[in-house]
Amino acid sequence: MTRTSILLLAMALAVAAAGWAQDAATAASAAAPAAPFADLRRQAPVRGDAQAGAGKATVCAACHGPQGVAVAPTFPNLAGQSATYLYVQLKQFKEGQRRDPVMSGQAAPLSDADMRDLAAYYASLAPKPAGPADESSRGAQLYAAGDPANGIPPCQGCHGADAQGPRPVPNGKPQPPWASFPHLRGQSAIYLAKALGDYKSGARADSSNARVMQGVAQTLGDEDVQALGAYLSTR
């Protein structure tokens, strides 16, 4: 066998091996069970031990800050979010309804008690102060009233008039899972745009809340997303 023939044979074997590896990876992915859909419409309020959570949050501080205020605009602020919302997010990362190269791995080893304690800890922290916002801006209009002509609903319907989460009035009637909705005030425009983009693309889809946001995100153009981000990041 000539040197050229040997080289050609080696190349063919390498290509075949790569194909076999790809086929094996595809088969493994297909065999992996799908994450269960998370129906949050009857999500019960979550409680945990904030003091215990403080001792478990050391790793979290690398991205979300020692007081729950993110160290970079690509990460969300956690301080002051409801414990129920934070618990649900951790559980979804753990179970696979949400996927992230960092957070999926961080949530994987957490017990249910760990998630409750971490959620309670960050819920106990003071939220990031936000500066004055332009209430005459396009973002303010979209947040408060939506844009009926373009099918855009008002954000305040779920996230509260002041963007700090809704304030349901107890009236004995069934209510939406208010505590599983985030407050948006003070989140960075970069993070908000990423979140809306994930809903629009379907990257976040496997919960009842995500399905609602998917529909909302489909109504928003790029300029609408920028306007909402600019408004909420300064509120």
Protein backbone atom coordinates (compact mmCIF):
# COMPACT_ATOMS: atom_id res chain seq x y z
CA MET A 1 0.00 0.00 0.00
CA THR A 2 1.41 3.37 -1.02
CA ARG A 3 1.85 6.33 1.34
CA THR A 4 -0.98 8.18 -0.46
CA SER A 5 -3.32 5.20 -0.06
CA ILE A 6 -2.53 4.99 3.65
CA LEU A 7 -3.29 8.70 4.11
CA LEU A 8 -6.57 8.41 2.19
CA LEU A 9 -7.59 5.39 4.28
CA ALA A 10 -6.78 7.23 7.52
CA MET A 11 -8.83 10.23 6.41
CA ALA A 12 -11.76 7.99 5.51
CA LEU A 13 -11.62 6.28 8.89
CA ALA A 14 -11.50 9.65 10.66
CA VAL A 15 -14.54 10.89 8.77
CA ALA A 16 -16.40 7.66 9.55
CA ALA A 17 -15.48 7.89 13.23
CA ALA A 18 -16.76 11.47 13.40
CA GLY A 19 -20.01 10.34 11.82
CA TRP A 20 -20.38 7.49 14.29
CA ALA A 21 -19.76 9.88 17.18
CA GLN A 22 -22.37 12.31 15.86
CA ASP A 23 -24.88 9.48 15.41
CA ALA A 24 -24.23 8.29 18.96
CA ALA A 25 -24.67 11.81 20.37
CA THR A 26 -27.92 12.25 18.42
CA ALA A 27 -29.23 8.91 19.66
CA ALA A 28 -28.32 9.75 23.25
CA SER A 29 -30.07 13.10 22.96
CA ALA A 30 -33.18 11.48 21.51
CA ALA A 31 -33.19 8.91 24.29
CA ALA A 32 -33.00 11.53 27.05
CA PRO A 33 -36.42 12.05 28.66
CA ALA A 34 -38.06 15.40 27.98
CA ALA A 35 -38.43 17.74 30.94
CA PRO A 36 -41.97 17.70 32.37
CA PHE A 37 -44.09 20.74 31.56
CA ALA A 38 -44.36 23.03 34.59
CA ASP A 39 -47.95 24.13 35.16
CA LEU A 40 -47.61 27.08 37.53
CA ARG A 41 -51.25 28.16 37.58
CA ARG A 42 -51.71 26.67 41.04
CA GLN A 43 -48.20 27.26 42.34
CA ALA A 44 -48.30 27.48 46.13
CA PRO A 45 -46.31 30.21 47.90
CA VAL A 46 -42.80 29.07 48.78
CA ARG A 47 -41.06 29.58 52.10
CA GLY A 48 -37.54 28.79 53.22
CA ASP A 49 -34.84 29.63 55.76
CA ALA A 50 -33.21 32.88 54.64
CA GLN A 51 -30.38 32.54 57.14
CA ALA A 52 -29.56 29.07 55.87
CA GLY A 53 -29.80 30.38 52.31
CA ALA A 54 -27.21 33.06 53.04
CA GLY A 55 -24.72 30.33 53.84
CA LYS A 56 -25.47 28.54 50.58
CA ALA A 57 -25.21 31.59 48.30
CA THR A 58 -21.42 31.95 48.10
CA VAL A 59 -21.16 30.57 44.58
CA CYS A 60 -24.20 32.55 43.41
CA ALA A 61 -22.50 35.83 44.37
CA ALA A 62 -19.96 35.42 41.57
CA CYS A 63 -22.62 36.43 39.03
CA HIS A 64 -25.51 37.82 41.08
CA GLY A 65 -23.46 39.85 43.56
CA PRO A 66 -23.08 39.51 47.34
CA GLN A 67 -26.34 41.42 47.87
CA GLY A 68 -28.26 39.99 44.94
CA VAL A 69 -27.43 42.83 42.55
CA ALA A 70 -25.78 41.43 39.43
CA VAL A 71 -22.11 42.11 38.75
CA ALA A 72 -22.74 42.46 34.99
CA PRO A 73 -25.79 43.49 32.91
CA THR A 74 -26.05 40.04 31.35
CA PHE A 75 -27.13 38.56 34.70
CA PRO A 76 -30.43 39.23 36.50
CA ASN A 77 -30.74 40.97 39.84
CA LEU A 78 -32.21 38.56 42.39
CA ALA A 79 -32.58 40.83 45.43
CA GLY A 80 -36.19 41.47 46.36
CA GLN A 81 -37.73 39.00 43.93
CA SER A 82 -40.45 36.84 45.45
CA ALA A 83 -39.23 33.59 46.98
CA THR A 84 -41.79 31.71 44.92
CA TYR A 85 -40.49 33.13 41.64
CA LEU A 86 -36.86 32.38 42.54
CA TYR A 87 -37.66 28.85 43.69
CA VAL A 88 -39.56 28.14 40.49
CA GLN A 89 -36.61 29.30 38.36
CA LEU A 90 -34.12 27.13 40.23
CA LYS A 91 -36.44 24.15 40.00
CA GLN A 92 -36.88 24.67 36.25
CA PHE A 93 -33.11 24.80 35.72
CA LYS A 94 -32.78 21.60 37.76
CA GLU A 95 -35.57 19.78 35.92
CA GLY A 96 -34.70 21.07 32.45
CA GLN A 97 -37.60 23.38 31.60
CA ARG A 98 -34.98 26.15 31.46
CA ARG A 99 -31.50 25.52 30.14
CA ASP A 100 -28.35 27.55 30.64
CA PRO A 101 -24.68 26.50 30.39
CA VAL A 102 -24.00 27.81 33.92
CA MET A 103 -27.29 27.69 35.80
CA SER A 104 -28.28 24.18 34.73
CA GLY A 105 -25.09 22.85 36.27
CA GLN A 106 -25.40 25.00 39.39
CA ALA A 107 -28.98 23.88 40.05
CA ALA A 108 -28.41 20.18 39.37
CA PRO A 109 -27.05 19.24 42.84
CA LEU A 110 -29.47 21.44 44.82
CA SER A 111 -32.02 19.77 47.07
CA ASP A 112 -35.55 21.11 47.38
CA ALA A 113 -34.61 22.61 50.76
CA ASP A 114 -31.54 24.27 49.21
CA MET A 115 -33.69 25.91 46.56
CA ARG A 116 -36.24 27.11 49.10
CA ASP A 117 -33.53 28.53 51.36
CA LEU A 118 -31.71 30.32 48.54
CA ALA A 119 -35.00 31.75 47.28
CA ALA A 120 -35.92 32.98 50.75
CA TYR A 121 -32.49 34.58 51.20
CA TYR A 122 -32.56 36.60 47.99
CA ALA A 123 -36.20 37.55 48.58
CA SER A 124 -35.14 39.04 51.93
CA LEU A 125 -32.59 41.42 50.35
CA ALA A 126 -33.36 45.00 49.36
CA PRO A 127 -33.91 45.34 45.60
CA LYS A 128 -31.60 47.47 43.50
CA PRO A 129 -32.63 51.15 43.61
CA ALA A 130 -33.65 52.48 40.22
CA GLY A 131 -33.38 56.00 38.92
CA PRO A 132 -36.18 58.19 37.57
CA ALA A 133 -37.87 57.03 34.40
CA ASP A 134 -39.36 58.96 31.51
CA GLU A 135 -43.07 58.31 31.96
CA SER A 136 -43.79 59.86 28.56
CA SER A 137 -41.53 57.40 26.72
CA ARG A 138 -42.60 54.64 24.38
CA GLY A 139 -41.42 52.10 26.94
CA ALA A 140 -43.61 53.64 29.65
CA GLN A 141 -46.60 53.58 27.32
CA LEU A 142 -46.04 49.93 26.44
CA TYR A 143 -45.59 48.94 30.07
CA ALA A 144 -48.67 50.74 31.37
CA ALA A 145 -51.12 50.46 28.48
CA GLY A 146 -49.63 48.21 25.83
CA ASP A 147 -50.36 48.92 22.18
CA PRO A 148 -53.82 47.53 21.33
CA ALA A 149 -53.46 48.38 17.65
CA ASN A 150 -50.50 46.01 17.42
CA GLY A 151 -51.82 43.40 19.84
CA ILE A 152 -49.34 44.26 22.61
CA PRO A 153 -50.79 43.80 26.12
CA PRO A 154 -49.76 46.02 29.05
CA CYS A 155 -46.92 44.55 31.10
CA GLN A 156 -48.34 45.88 34.34
CA GLY A 157 -51.14 43.33 34.16
CA CYS A 158 -48.75 40.67 35.49
CA HIS A 159 -45.74 42.61 36.74
CA GLY A 160 -47.48 45.35 38.71
CA ALA A 161 -48.12 49.03 38.09
CA ASP A 162 -44.72 49.97 39.55
CA ALA A 163 -42.89 47.01 37.97
CA GLN A 164 -42.18 45.57 41.41
CA GLY A 165 -44.56 42.67 41.07
CA PRO A 166 -48.36 42.53 41.27
CA ARG A 167 -50.38 43.27 44.39
CA PRO A 168 -53.37 40.93 44.25
CA VAL A 169 -56.39 41.92 46.30
CA PRO A 170 -57.74 39.02 48.40
CA ASN A 171 -61.36 38.58 47.40
CA GLY A 172 -61.95 34.87 47.82
CA LYS A 173 -61.84 34.24 44.07
CA PRO A 174 -59.26 32.08 42.27
CA GLN A 175 -56.27 34.21 41.31
CA PRO A 176 -53.37 33.78 38.89
CA PRO A 177 -50.03 32.64 40.33
CA TRP A 178 -48.96 36.19 41.15
CA ALA A 179 -46.01 35.17 43.28
CA SER A 180 -44.43 33.26 40.38
CA PHE A 181 -44.21 36.43 38.23
CA PRO A 182 -40.99 38.47 38.54
CA HIS A 183 -40.69 42.14 39.30
CA LEU A 184 -38.83 43.92 36.52
CA ARG A 185 -37.86 47.23 38.02
CA GLY A 186 -34.12 47.88 37.81
CA GLN A 187 -33.22 44.88 35.65
CA SER A 188 -30.70 45.74 32.95
CA ALA A 189 -31.88 46.39 29.41
CA ILE A 190 -29.43 43.75 28.17
CA TYR A 191 -30.84 41.05 30.42
CA LEU A 192 -34.45 41.98 29.62
CA ALA A 193 -33.77 41.86 25.88
CA LYS A 194 -32.17 38.42 26.27
CA ALA A 195 -35.14 37.11 28.25
CA LEU A 196 -37.67 38.41 25.71
CA GLY A 197 -35.56 36.97 22.89
CA ASP A 198 -35.56 33.56 24.57
CA TYR A 199 -39.34 33.62 24.85
CA LYS A 200 -39.70 34.74 21.24
CA SER A 201 -37.38 32.01 19.91
CA GLY A 202 -38.94 29.30 22.05
CA ALA A 203 -35.81 28.73 24.14
CA ARG A 204 -38.04 29.30 27.17
CA ALA A 205 -41.29 27.46 26.60
CA ASP A 206 -41.85 24.61 29.01
CA SER A 207 -44.02 26.26 31.66
CA SER A 208 -47.43 27.89 31.72
CA ASN A 209 -45.88 31.28 32.49
CA ALA A 210 -43.43 30.88 29.62
CA ARG A 211 -46.28 30.12 27.24
CA VAL A 212 -47.91 33.41 28.20
CA MET A 213 -44.66 35.28 27.64
CA GLN A 214 -44.09 33.57 24.32
CA GLY A 215 -47.32 35.07 23.06
CA VAL A 216 -46.41 38.49 24.40
CA ALA A 217 -42.90 38.41 22.94
CA GLN A 218 -44.24 37.59 19.50
CA THR A 219 -46.06 40.93 19.44
CA LEU A 220 -42.91 42.96 20.21
CA GLY A 221 -40.60 44.35 17.57
CA ASP A 222 -36.94 45.13 18.20
CA GLU A 223 -37.72 48.80 18.87
CA ASP A 224 -40.39 47.82 21.38
CA VAL A 225 -37.92 45.59 23.25
CA GLN A 226 -35.35 48.39 23.35
CA ALA A 227 -37.97 50.87 24.59
CA LEU A 228 -39.14 48.56 27.38
CA GLY A 229 -35.57 47.80 28.40
CA ALA A 230 -34.64 51.47 28.57
CA TYR A 231 -37.72 52.26 30.65
CA LEU A 232 -37.52 49.37 33.10
CA SER A 233 -33.77 49.59 33.66
CA THR A 234 -34.20 53.16 34.96
CA ARG A 235 -37.43 52.67 36.93
